[in-house]
Amino acid sequence: MYCLTLDDNLIDNWKSVDALNEYHHIWWLRIAGNPILLMQEGGEVAARAIIIAWMKYLEKYWGGDIPKAEK
């Protein structure tokens, strides 16, 4: 299992985020400071929900546990 930090990498499209599903061992993700988080209607809160829903193997997001109900 791996941790991945993509802070401040100028990620500005959902295709890039979706591609992370190819890496089944990513269980912890940080992705702060990327334009995609602010471009989403609803801001960072909505972007968080989308990322958690898309990334099947994620267990932690920004260091916090992801409740099973949120998956």
Protein backbone atom coordinates (compact mmCIF):
# COMPACT_ATOMS: atom_id res chain seq x y z
CA MET A 1 0.00 0.00 0.00
CA TYR A 2 1.28 3.43 -0.94
CA CYS A 3 0.80 7.06 -0.03
CA LEU A 4 0.72 9.59 -2.87
CA THR A 5 1.09 13.34 -2.54
CA LEU A 6 0.15 15.38 -5.59
CA ASP A 7 -0.02 18.77 -3.91
CA ASP A 8 0.51 21.79 -6.18
CA ASN A 9 0.87 19.78 -9.42
CA LEU A 10 -1.48 21.91 -11.55
CA ILE A 11 -3.93 19.02 -12.07
CA ASP A 12 -6.84 20.59 -13.91
CA ASN A 13 -8.89 17.70 -15.32
CA TRP A 14 -10.78 14.69 -13.98
CA LYS A 15 -9.15 12.34 -16.47
CA SER A 16 -5.87 12.72 -14.58
CA VAL A 17 -7.54 11.91 -11.28
CA ASP A 18 -9.40 8.95 -12.78
CA ALA A 19 -6.11 7.53 -14.12
CA LEU A 20 -4.98 7.00 -10.52
CA ASN A 21 -7.33 4.00 -10.33
CA GLU A 22 -4.77 2.09 -12.41
CA TYR A 23 -2.60 2.00 -9.29
CA HIS A 24 -4.44 -0.35 -6.96
CA HIS A 25 -1.97 0.09 -4.12
CA ILE A 26 -2.66 3.80 -3.56
CA TRP A 27 -4.58 3.90 -0.30
CA TRP A 28 -3.68 7.41 0.91
CA LEU A 29 -3.90 10.57 -1.23
CA ARG A 30 -3.12 14.26 -0.83
CA ILE A 31 -4.02 16.46 -3.76
CA ALA A 32 -4.19 19.99 -2.28
CA GLY A 33 -3.43 23.12 -4.25
CA ASN A 34 -4.57 21.82 -7.64
CA PRO A 35 -6.91 23.80 -9.93
CA ILE A 36 -9.32 20.86 -10.31
CA LEU A 37 -10.37 21.30 -6.68
CA LEU A 38 -11.46 24.89 -7.22
CA MET A 39 -12.90 24.41 -10.73
CA GLN A 40 -15.51 21.96 -9.47
CA GLU A 41 -18.92 23.45 -8.73
CA GLY A 42 -19.16 23.21 -4.96
CA GLY A 43 -15.42 23.70 -4.55
CA GLU A 44 -13.10 21.49 -2.56
CA VAL A 45 -15.91 19.75 -0.67
CA ALA A 46 -17.55 18.55 -3.89
CA ALA A 47 -14.18 17.64 -5.42
CA ARG A 48 -13.34 15.54 -2.34
CA ALA A 49 -16.59 13.59 -2.72
CA ILE A 50 -15.87 12.92 -6.41
CA ILE A 51 -12.30 11.79 -5.76
CA ILE A 52 -13.35 9.46 -2.97
CA ALA A 53 -16.12 7.99 -5.12
CA TRP A 54 -13.81 7.41 -8.11
CA MET A 55 -10.79 5.98 -6.33
CA LYS A 56 -11.87 2.48 -5.39
CA TYR A 57 -8.92 1.60 -3.18
CA LEU A 58 -8.56 4.84 -1.25
CA GLU A 59 -8.73 4.56 2.54
CA LYS A 60 -7.38 7.99 3.57
CA TYR A 61 -7.77 11.41 1.99
CA TRP A 62 -5.61 14.30 3.21
CA GLY A 63 -4.59 12.18 6.17
CA GLY A 64 -8.11 11.50 7.42
CA ASP A 65 -9.88 8.15 7.33
CA ILE A 66 -12.69 7.81 4.80
CA PRO A 67 -15.83 6.51 6.51
CA LYS A 68 -17.37 3.48 4.78
CA ALA A 69 -20.64 5.37 4.43
CA GLU A 70 -18.85 8.02 2.37
CA LYS A 71 -17.44 5.46 -0.09
